[in-house]
Amino acid sequence: MKKLLELVALCKCSVSIVVNDHKDNYQGVEAYISDLRTIYEEEIEEEILNGMIANDTIVCLRVYPDTPVGFNVAYHYDVDILMDEMIKHLKEEG
């Protein structure tokens, strides 16, 4: 909860976490990520993709740090690691 509160404090607008959205559409991880890459041109590191497949888990974190228009989005299979990485990114971004 501490990490989530820190993320919220770093953002002027919303923070959302979605876990396993692919399962709502009866998709496997690979098909879901393939769709993301096709539609949104998302880039996901091979190591993270392999972790998602192995765990059958996709965590999506979307934050709006400054305005309700511009956002950062990231994907992982581990919510704690993902939040740590986003916190680090937002602090470096200023």
PDB file of N, CA and C in Angstrom:
ATOM      1  N   MET A   1       0.811  -1.184   0.000  1.00  0.00           N
ATOM      2  CA  MET A   1       0.000   0.000   0.000  1.00  0.00           C
ATOM      3  C   MET A   1       0.861   1.258   0.000  1.00  0.00           C
ATOM      4  N   LYS A   2       2.034   1.172   0.651  1.00  0.00           N
ATOM      5  CA  LYS A   2       2.931   2.317   0.730  1.00  0.00           C
ATOM      6  C   LYS A   2       3.368   2.767  -0.665  1.00  0.00           C
ATOM      7  N   LYS A   3       3.698   1.809  -1.531  1.00  0.00           N
ATOM      8  CA  LYS A   3       4.130   2.142  -2.889  1.00  0.00           C
ATOM      9  C   LYS A   3       2.997   2.791  -3.681  1.00  0.00           C
ATOM     10  N   LEU A   4       1.805   2.283  -3.521  1.00  0.00           N
ATOM     11  CA  LEU A   4       0.661   2.853  -4.227  1.00  0.00           C
ATOM     12  C   LEU A   4       0.429   4.290  -3.779  1.00  0.00           C
ATOM     13  N   LEU A   5       0.500   4.537  -2.501  1.00  0.00           N
ATOM     14  CA  LEU A   5       0.320   5.890  -1.981  1.00  0.00           C
ATOM     15  C   LEU A   5       1.419   6.826  -2.481  1.00  0.00           C
ATOM     16  N   GLU A   6       2.641   6.313  -2.603  1.00  0.00           N
ATOM     17  CA  GLU A   6       3.735   7.122  -3.134  1.00  0.00           C
ATOM     18  C   GLU A   6       3.492   7.472  -4.601  1.00  0.00           C
ATOM     19  N   LEU A   7       3.016   6.495  -5.375  1.00  0.00           N
ATOM     20  CA  LEU A   7       2.676   6.759  -6.777  1.00  0.00           C
ATOM     21  C   LEU A   7       1.589   7.820  -6.888  1.00  0.00           C
ATOM     22  N   VAL A   8       0.566   7.686  -6.102  1.00  0.00           N
ATOM     23  CA  VAL A   8      -0.536   8.655  -6.116  1.00  0.00           C
ATOM     24  C   VAL A   8      -0.017  10.046  -5.778  1.00  0.00           C
ATOM     25  N   ALA A   9       0.876  10.141  -4.808  1.00  0.00           N
ATOM     26  CA  ALA A   9       1.430  11.435  -4.411  1.00  0.00           C
ATOM     27  C   ALA A   9       2.285  12.054  -5.518  1.00  0.00           C
ATOM     28  N   LEU A  10       2.889  11.229  -6.355  1.00  0.00           N
ATOM     29  CA  LEU A  10       3.730  11.729  -7.450  1.00  0.00           C
ATOM     30  C   LEU A  10       2.926  12.173  -8.665  1.00  0.00           C
ATOM     31  N   CYS A  11       1.640  11.867  -8.683  1.00  0.00           N
ATOM     32  CA  CYS A  11       0.810  12.160  -9.855  1.00  0.00           C
ATOM     33  C   CYS A  11      -0.253  13.203  -9.528  1.00  0.00           C
ATOM     34  N   LYS A  12      -0.414  14.157 -10.443  1.00  0.00           N
ATOM     35  CA  LYS A  12      -1.447  15.175 -10.279  1.00  0.00           C
ATOM     36  C   LYS A  12      -2.815  14.644 -10.688  1.00  0.00           C
ATOM     37  N   CYS A  13      -2.820  13.563 -11.477  1.00  0.00           N
ATOM     38  CA  CYS A  13      -4.079  12.976 -11.937  1.00  0.00           C
ATOM     39  C   CYS A  13      -4.092  11.493 -11.552  1.00  0.00           C
ATOM     40  N   SER A  14      -4.778  10.686 -12.296  1.00  0.00           N
ATOM     41  CA  SER A  14      -5.069   9.320 -11.851  1.00  0.00           C
ATOM     42  C   SER A  14      -3.911   8.333 -11.973  1.00  0.00           C
ATOM     43  N   VAL A  15      -4.046   7.268 -11.196  1.00  0.00           N
ATOM     44  CA  VAL A  15      -3.159   6.113 -11.221  1.00  0.00           C
ATOM     45  C   VAL A  15      -4.062   4.892 -11.306  1.00  0.00           C
ATOM     46  N   SER A  16      -3.796   4.009 -12.262  1.00  0.00           N
ATOM     47  CA  SER A  16      -4.617   2.792 -12.336  1.00  0.00           C
ATOM     48  C   SER A  16      -3.744   1.569 -12.556  1.00  0.00           C
ATOM     49  N   ILE A  17      -4.159   0.499 -11.911  1.00  0.00           N
ATOM     50  CA  ILE A  17      -3.491  -0.789 -12.027  1.00  0.00           C
ATOM     51  C   ILE A  17      -4.541  -1.797 -12.486  1.00  0.00           C
ATOM     52  N   VAL A  18      -4.233  -2.485 -13.564  1.00  0.00           N
ATOM     53  CA  VAL A  18      -5.125  -3.525 -14.070  1.00  0.00           C
ATOM     54  C   VAL A  18      -4.322  -4.825 -14.107  1.00  0.00           C
ATOM     55  N   VAL A  19      -4.888  -5.855 -13.524  1.00  0.00           N
ATOM     56  CA  VAL A  19      -4.212  -7.149 -13.473  1.00  0.00           C
ATOM     57  C   VAL A  19      -5.036  -8.183 -14.229  1.00  0.00           C
ATOM     58  N   ASN A  20      -4.379  -8.846 -15.158  1.00  0.00           N
ATOM     59  CA  ASN A  20      -4.944  -9.968 -15.914  1.00  0.00           C
ATOM     60  C   ASN A  20      -6.148  -9.610 -16.784  1.00  0.00           C
ATOM     61  N   ASP A  21      -6.069  -8.460 -17.410  1.00  0.00           N
ATOM     62  CA  ASP A  21      -7.109  -8.030 -18.334  1.00  0.00           C
ATOM     63  C   ASP A  21      -7.281  -9.021 -19.485  1.00  0.00           C
ATOM     64  N   HIS A  22      -6.209  -9.714 -19.822  1.00  0.00           N
ATOM     65  CA  HIS A  22      -6.279 -10.691 -20.920  1.00  0.00           C
ATOM     66  C   HIS A  22      -7.266 -11.821 -20.633  1.00  0.00           C
ATOM     67  N   LYS A  23      -7.450 -12.135 -19.389  1.00  0.00           N
ATOM     68  CA  LYS A  23      -8.353 -13.234 -19.025  1.00  0.00           C
ATOM     69  C   LYS A  23      -9.823 -12.867 -19.229  1.00  0.00           C
ATOM     70  N   ASP A  24     -10.135 -11.578 -19.216  1.00  0.00           N
ATOM     71  CA  ASP A  24     -11.517 -11.148 -19.468  1.00  0.00           C
ATOM     72  C   ASP A  24     -11.935 -11.410 -20.908  1.00  0.00           C
ATOM     73  N   ASN A  25     -10.938 -11.511 -21.780  1.00  0.00           N
ATOM     74  CA  ASN A  25     -11.201 -11.754 -23.198  1.00  0.00           C
ATOM     75  C   ASN A  25     -10.843 -13.181 -23.617  1.00  0.00           C
ATOM     76  N   TYR A  26     -10.592 -14.047 -22.645  1.00  0.00           N
ATOM     77  CA  TYR A  26     -10.205 -15.430 -22.916  1.00  0.00           C
ATOM     78  C   TYR A  26      -8.992 -15.510 -23.838  1.00  0.00           C
ATOM     79  N   GLN A  27      -8.028 -14.604 -23.621  1.00  0.00           N
ATOM     80  CA  GLN A  27      -6.803 -14.603 -24.407  1.00  0.00           C
ATOM     81  C   GLN A  27      -5.649 -15.099 -23.559  1.00  0.00           C
ATOM     82  N   GLY A  28      -4.681 -15.692 -24.220  1.00  0.00           N
ATOM     83  CA  GLY A  28      -3.429 -16.015 -23.567  1.00  0.00           C
ATOM     84  C   GLY A  28      -2.564 -14.768 -23.516  1.00  0.00           C
ATOM     85  N   VAL A  29      -1.513 -14.827 -22.733  1.00  0.00           N
ATOM     86  CA  VAL A  29      -0.614 -13.690 -22.588  1.00  0.00           C
ATOM     87  C   VAL A  29      -0.025 -13.292 -23.940  1.00  0.00           C
ATOM     88  N   GLU A  30       0.439 -14.283 -24.701  1.00  0.00           N
ATOM     89  CA  GLU A  30       1.096 -13.979 -25.972  1.00  0.00           C
ATOM     90  C   GLU A  30       0.154 -13.283 -26.955  1.00  0.00           C
ATOM     91  N   ALA A  31      -1.083 -13.738 -27.048  1.00  0.00           N
ATOM     92  CA  ALA A  31      -2.043 -13.119 -27.963  1.00  0.00           C
ATOM     93  C   ALA A  31      -2.372 -11.702 -27.517  1.00  0.00           C
ATOM     94  N   TYR A  32      -2.535 -11.514 -26.227  1.00  0.00           N
ATOM     95  CA  TYR A  32      -2.864 -10.192 -25.695  1.00  0.00           C
ATOM     96  C   TYR A  32      -1.732  -9.197 -25.969  1.00  0.00           C
ATOM     97  N   ILE A  33      -0.503  -9.617 -25.690  1.00  0.00           N
ATOM     98  CA  ILE A  33       0.658  -8.755 -25.911  1.00  0.00           C
ATOM     99  C   ILE A  33       0.839  -8.489 -27.409  1.00  0.00           C
ATOM    100  N   SER A  34       0.583  -9.477 -28.224  1.00  0.00           N
ATOM    101  CA  SER A  34       0.655  -9.280 -29.671  1.00  0.00           C
ATOM    102  C   SER A  34      -0.316  -8.198 -30.117  1.00  0.00           C
ATOM    103  N   ASP A  35      -1.529  -8.225 -29.568  1.00  0.00           N
ATOM    104  CA  ASP A  35      -2.515  -7.188 -29.878  1.00  0.00           C
ATOM    105  C   ASP A  35      -2.037  -5.813 -29.414  1.00  0.00           C
ATOM    106  N   LEU A  36      -1.447  -5.751 -28.211  1.00  0.00           N
ATOM    107  CA  LEU A  36      -0.923  -4.479 -27.700  1.00  0.00           C
ATOM    108  C   LEU A  36       0.145  -3.923 -28.630  1.00  0.00           C
ATOM    109  N   ARG A  37       1.018  -4.805 -29.070  1.00  0.00           N
ATOM    110  CA  ARG A  37       2.103  -4.373 -29.956  1.00  0.00           C
ATOM    111  C   ARG A  37       1.554  -3.882 -31.287  1.00  0.00           C
ATOM    112  N   THR A  38       0.517  -4.531 -31.785  1.00  0.00           N
ATOM    113  CA  THR A  38      -0.065  -4.152 -33.068  1.00  0.00           C
ATOM    114  C   THR A  38      -0.835  -2.843 -32.966  1.00  0.00           C
ATOM    115  N   ILE A  39      -1.666  -2.715 -31.947  1.00  0.00           N
ATOM    116  CA  ILE A  39      -2.547  -1.554 -31.825  1.00  0.00           C
ATOM    117  C   ILE A  39      -1.808  -0.334 -31.274  1.00  0.00           C
ATOM    118  N   TYR A  40      -1.047  -0.528 -30.215  1.00  0.00           N
ATOM    119  CA  TYR A  40      -0.441   0.609 -29.523  1.00  0.00           C
ATOM    120  C   TYR A  40       1.069   0.707 -29.693  1.00  0.00           C
ATOM    121  N   GLU A  41       1.652  -0.225 -30.427  1.00  0.00           N
ATOM    122  CA  GLU A  41       3.098  -0.272 -30.637  1.00  0.00           C
ATOM    123  C   GLU A  41       3.861  -0.340 -29.308  1.00  0.00           C
ATOM    124  N   GLU A  42       3.289  -1.069 -28.352  1.00  0.00           N
ATOM    125  CA  GLU A  42       3.936  -1.235 -27.048  1.00  0.00           C
ATOM    126  C   GLU A  42       5.204  -2.075 -27.196  1.00  0.00           C
ATOM    127  N   GLU A  43       6.231  -1.675 -26.467  1.00  0.00           N
ATOM    128  CA  GLU A  43       7.477  -2.422 -26.447  1.00  0.00           C
ATOM    129  C   GLU A  43       7.636  -3.036 -25.062  1.00  0.00           C
ATOM    130  N   ILE A  44       7.742  -4.339 -25.024  1.00  0.00           N
ATOM    131  CA  ILE A  44       7.898  -5.049 -23.754  1.00  0.00           C
ATOM    132  C   ILE A  44       9.145  -5.921 -23.868  1.00  0.00           C
ATOM    133  N   GLU A  45      10.038  -5.771 -22.902  1.00  0.00           N
ATOM    134  CA  GLU A  45      11.289  -6.530 -22.922  1.00  0.00           C
ATOM    135  C   GLU A  45      11.008  -8.029 -22.913  1.00  0.00           C
ATOM    136  N   GLU A  46      11.854  -8.770 -23.594  1.00  0.00           N
ATOM    137  CA  GLU A  46      11.687 -10.218 -23.729  1.00  0.00           C
ATOM    138  C   GLU A  46      11.660 -10.920 -22.368  1.00  0.00           C
ATOM    139  N   GLU A  47      12.513 -10.485 -21.452  1.00  0.00           N
ATOM    140  CA  GLU A  47      12.561 -11.090 -20.109  1.00  0.00           C
ATOM    141  C   GLU A  47      11.233 -10.898 -19.375  1.00  0.00           C
ATOM    142  N   ILE A  48      10.658  -9.713 -19.499  1.00  0.00           N
ATOM    143  CA  ILE A  48       9.380  -9.439 -18.840  1.00  0.00           C
ATOM    144  C   ILE A  48       8.268 -10.236 -19.510  1.00  0.00           C
ATOM    145  N   LEU A  49       8.275 -10.284 -20.834  1.00  0.00           N
ATOM    146  CA  LEU A  49       7.286 -11.077 -21.553  1.00  0.00           C
ATOM    147  C   LEU A  49       7.354 -12.542 -21.134  1.00  0.00           C
ATOM    148  N   ASN A  50       8.548 -13.079 -21.034  1.00  0.00           N
ATOM    149  CA  ASN A  50       8.709 -14.476 -20.607  1.00  0.00           C
ATOM    150  C   ASN A  50       8.166 -14.692 -19.201  1.00  0.00           C
ATOM    151  N   GLY A  51       8.363 -13.716 -18.320  1.00  0.00           N
ATOM    152  CA  GLY A  51       7.809 -13.794 -16.957  1.00  0.00           C
ATOM    153  C   GLY A  51       6.294 -13.751 -16.962  1.00  0.00           C
ATOM    154  N   MET A  52       5.722 -12.916 -17.841  1.00  0.00           N
ATOM    155  CA  MET A  52       4.266 -12.851 -17.962  1.00  0.00           C
ATOM    156  C   MET A  52       3.706 -14.190 -18.420  1.00  0.00           C
ATOM    157  N   ILE A  53       4.354 -14.780 -19.413  1.00  0.00           N
ATOM    158  CA  ILE A  53       3.896 -16.064 -19.944  1.00  0.00           C
ATOM    159  C   ILE A  53       4.019 -17.148 -18.880  1.00  0.00           C
ATOM    160  N   ALA A  54       5.159 -17.200 -18.213  1.00  0.00           N
ATOM    161  CA  ALA A  54       5.397 -18.228 -17.185  1.00  0.00           C
ATOM    162  C   ALA A  54       4.404 -18.121 -16.033  1.00  0.00           C
ATOM    163  N   ASN A  55       4.031 -16.888 -15.671  1.00  0.00           N
ATOM    164  CA  ASN A  55       3.122 -16.671 -14.543  1.00  0.00           C
ATOM    165  C   ASN A  55       1.669 -16.492 -14.961  1.00  0.00           C
ATOM    166  N   ASP A  56       1.416 -16.463 -16.278  1.00  0.00           N
ATOM    167  CA  ASP A  56       0.084 -16.175 -16.820  1.00  0.00           C
ATOM    168  C   ASP A  56      -0.497 -14.930 -16.150  1.00  0.00           C
ATOM    169  N   THR A  57       0.361 -13.899 -16.056  1.00  0.00           N
ATOM    170  CA  THR A  57      -0.014 -12.677 -15.362  1.00  0.00           C
ATOM    171  C   THR A  57       0.473 -11.466 -16.136  1.00  0.00           C
ATOM    172  N   ILE A  58      -0.435 -10.519 -16.348  1.00  0.00           N
ATOM    173  CA  ILE A  58      -0.081  -9.237 -16.940  1.00  0.00           C
ATOM    174  C   ILE A  58      -0.567  -8.150 -15.996  1.00  0.00           C
ATOM    175  N   VAL A  59       0.362  -7.318 -15.563  1.00  0.00           N
ATOM    176  CA  VAL A  59       0.026  -6.165 -14.732  1.00  0.00           C
ATOM    177  C   VAL A  59       0.281  -4.917 -15.577  1.00  0.00           C
ATOM    178  N   CYS A  60      -0.718  -4.069 -15.675  1.00  0.00           N
ATOM    179  CA  CYS A  60      -0.607  -2.812 -16.417  1.00  0.00           C
ATOM    180  C   CYS A  60      -0.747  -1.658 -15.432  1.00  0.00           C
ATOM    181  N   LEU A  61       0.219  -0.774 -15.452  1.00  0.00           N
ATOM    182  CA  LEU A  61       0.198   0.406 -14.589  1.00  0.00           C
ATOM    183  C   LEU A  61       0.172   1.636 -15.490  1.00  0.00           C
ATOM    184  N   ARG A  62      -0.848   2.477 -15.313  1.00  0.00           N
ATOM    185  CA  ARG A  62      -0.991   3.708 -16.099  1.00  0.00           C
ATOM    186  C   ARG A  62      -1.086   4.871 -15.124  1.00  0.00           C
ATOM    187  N   VAL A  63      -0.205   5.853 -15.324  1.00  0.00           N
ATOM    188  CA  VAL A  63      -0.182   7.023 -14.449  1.00  0.00           C
ATOM    189  C   VAL A  63      -0.238   8.302 -15.279  1.00  0.00           C
ATOM    190  N   TYR A  64      -0.910   9.288 -14.744  1.00  0.00           N
ATOM    191  CA  TYR A  64      -1.010  10.610 -15.350  1.00  0.00           C
ATOM    192  C   TYR A  64      -0.300  11.584 -14.411  1.00  0.00           C
ATOM    193  N   PRO A  65       1.003  11.775 -14.592  1.00  0.00           N
ATOM    194  CA  PRO A  65       1.768  12.551 -13.618  1.00  0.00           C
ATOM    195  C   PRO A  65       1.490  14.049 -13.608  1.00  0.00           C
ATOM    196  N   ASP A  66       1.155  14.628 -14.770  1.00  0.00           N
ATOM    197  CA  ASP A  66       1.030  16.083 -14.831  1.00  0.00           C
ATOM    198  C   ASP A  66      -0.344  16.589 -15.264  1.00  0.00           C
ATOM    199  N   THR A  67      -0.940  15.930 -16.234  1.00  0.00           N
ATOM    200  CA  THR A  67      -2.229  16.372 -16.771  1.00  0.00           C
ATOM    201  C   THR A  67      -3.089  15.157 -17.072  1.00  0.00           C
ATOM    202  N   PRO A  68      -4.378  15.347 -17.296  1.00  0.00           N
ATOM    203  CA  PRO A  68      -5.236  14.217 -17.660  1.00  0.00           C
ATOM    204  C   PRO A  68      -5.057  13.788 -19.121  1.00  0.00           C
ATOM    205  N   VAL A  69      -4.121  14.405 -19.818  1.00  0.00           N
ATOM    206  CA  VAL A  69      -3.894  14.068 -21.224  1.00  0.00           C
ATOM    207  C   VAL A  69      -2.670  13.179 -21.391  1.00  0.00           C
ATOM    208  N   GLY A  70      -1.552  13.548 -20.797  1.00  0.00           N
ATOM    209  CA  GLY A  70      -0.316  12.785 -20.957  1.00  0.00           C
ATOM    210  C   GLY A  70      -0.172  11.723 -19.890  1.00  0.00           C
ATOM    211  N   PHE A  71       0.175  10.517 -20.322  1.00  0.00           N
ATOM    212  CA  PHE A  71       0.306   9.429 -19.348  1.00  0.00           C
ATOM    213  C   PHE A  71       1.524   8.585 -19.645  1.00  0.00           C
ATOM    214  N   ASN A  72       1.916   7.803 -18.647  1.00  0.00           N
ATOM    215  CA  ASN A  72       2.951   6.781 -18.775  1.00  0.00           C
ATOM    216  C   ASN A  72       2.279   5.441 -18.521  1.00  0.00           C
ATOM    217  N   VAL A  73       2.631   4.453 -19.304  1.00  0.00           N
ATOM    218  CA  VAL A  73       2.084   3.116 -19.105  1.00  0.00           C
ATOM    219  C   VAL A  73       3.229   2.116 -19.131  1.00  0.00           C
ATOM    220  N   ALA A  74       3.132   1.099 -18.287  1.00  0.00           N
ATOM    221  CA  ALA A  74       4.155   0.063 -18.232  1.00  0.00           C
ATOM    222  C   ALA A  74       3.493  -1.265 -17.890  1.00  0.00           C
ATOM    223  N   TYR A  75       4.144  -2.340 -18.327  1.00  0.00           N
ATOM    224  CA  TYR A  75       3.623  -3.687 -18.122  1.00  0.00           C
ATOM    225  C   TYR A  75       4.672  -4.548 -17.446  1.00  0.00           C
ATOM    226  N   HIS A  76       4.199  -5.474 -16.645  1.00  0.00           N
ATOM    227  CA  HIS A  76       5.094  -6.409 -15.948  1.00  0.00           C
ATOM    228  C   HIS A  76       4.249  -7.579 -15.463  1.00  0.00           C
ATOM    229  N   TYR A  77       4.895  -8.548 -14.856  1.00  0.00           N
ATOM    230  CA  TYR A  77       4.180  -9.666 -14.235  1.00  0.00           C
ATOM    231  C   TYR A  77       4.190  -9.554 -12.709  1.00  0.00           C
ATOM    232  N   ASP A  78       4.953  -8.580 -12.184  1.00  0.00           N
ATOM    233  CA  ASP A  78       5.076  -8.403 -10.740  1.00  0.00           C
ATOM    234  C   ASP A  78       4.696  -6.966 -10.384  1.00  0.00           C
ATOM    235  N   VAL A  79       3.616  -6.799  -9.654  1.00  0.00           N
ATOM    236  CA  VAL A  79       3.110  -5.461  -9.343  1.00  0.00           C
ATOM    237  C   VAL A  79       4.093  -4.659  -8.504  1.00  0.00           C
ATOM    238  N   ASP A  80       4.804  -5.285  -7.582  1.00  0.00           N
ATOM    239  CA  ASP A  80       5.757  -4.558  -6.736  1.00  0.00           C
ATOM    240  C   ASP A  80       6.924  -4.013  -7.550  1.00  0.00           C
ATOM    241  N   ILE A  81       7.482  -4.844  -8.413  1.00  0.00           N
ATOM    242  CA  ILE A  81       8.585  -4.400  -9.268  1.00  0.00           C
ATOM    243  C   ILE A  81       8.113  -3.269 -10.179  1.00  0.00           C
ATOM    244  N   LEU A  82       6.926  -3.426 -10.748  1.00  0.00           N
ATOM    245  CA  LEU A  82       6.381  -2.423 -11.652  1.00  0.00           C
ATOM    246  C   LEU A  82       6.194  -1.078 -10.951  1.00  0.00           C
ATOM    247  N   MET A  83       5.659  -1.105  -9.748  1.00  0.00           N
ATOM    248  CA  MET A  83       5.474   0.144  -9.012  1.00  0.00           C
ATOM    249  C   MET A  83       6.815   0.782  -8.665  1.00  0.00           C
ATOM    250  N   ASP A  84       7.800  -0.038  -8.261  1.00  0.00           N
ATOM    251  CA  ASP A  84       9.141   0.493  -7.970  1.00  0.00           C
ATOM    252  C   ASP A  84       9.730   1.180  -9.191  1.00  0.00           C
ATOM    253  N   GLU A  85       9.601   0.531 -10.354  1.00  0.00           N
ATOM    254  CA  GLU A  85      10.153   1.099 -11.583  1.00  0.00           C
ATOM    255  C   GLU A  85       9.451   2.401 -11.965  1.00  0.00           C
ATOM    256  N   MET A  86       8.141   2.460 -11.806  1.00  0.00           N
ATOM    257  CA  MET A  86       7.410   3.673 -12.160  1.00  0.00           C
ATOM    258  C   MET A  86       7.741   4.804 -11.189  1.00  0.00           C
ATOM    259  N   ILE A  87       7.851   4.501  -9.915  1.00  0.00           N
ATOM    260  CA  ILE A  87       8.235   5.518  -8.932  1.00  0.00           C
ATOM    261  C   ILE A  87       9.603   6.085  -9.291  1.00  0.00           C
ATOM    262  N   LYS A  88      10.539   5.215  -9.596  1.00  0.00           N
ATOM    263  CA  LYS A  88      11.882   5.657  -9.982  1.00  0.00           C
ATOM    264  C   LYS A  88      11.814   6.538 -11.227  1.00  0.00           C
ATOM    265  N   HIS A  89      11.064   6.108 -12.225  1.00  0.00           N
ATOM    266  CA  HIS A  89      10.919   6.870 -13.466  1.00  0.00           C
ATOM    267  C   HIS A  89      10.331   8.256 -13.208  1.00  0.00           C
ATOM    268  N   LEU A  90       9.272   8.323 -12.429  1.00  0.00           N
ATOM    269  CA  LEU A  90       8.632   9.610 -12.161  1.00  0.00           C
ATOM    270  C   LEU A  90       9.539  10.545 -11.385  1.00  0.00           C
ATOM    271  N   LYS A  91      10.311  10.011 -10.463  1.00  0.00           N
ATOM    272  CA  LYS A  91      11.244  10.845  -9.693  1.00  0.00           C
ATOM    273  C   LYS A  91      12.363  11.378 -10.588  1.00  0.00           C
ATOM    274  N   GLU A  92      12.838  10.546 -11.503  1.00  0.00           N
ATOM    275  CA  GLU A  92      13.893  10.983 -12.424  1.00  0.00           C
ATOM    276  C   GLU A  92      13.356  12.000 -13.424  1.00  0.00           C
ATOM    277  N   GLU A  93      12.091  11.818 -13.814  1.00  0.00           N
ATOM    278  CA  GLU A  93      11.459  12.717 -14.787  1.00  0.00           C
ATOM    279  C   GLU A  93      11.228  14.100 -14.208  1.00  0.00           C
ATOM    280  N   GLY A  94      11.069  14.121 -12.894  1.00  0.00           N
ATOM    281  CA  GLY A  94      10.915  15.406 -12.226  1.00  0.00           C
ATOM    282  C   GLY A  94       9.518  15.812 -12.112  1.00  0.00           C
TER     283      GLY A  94
END
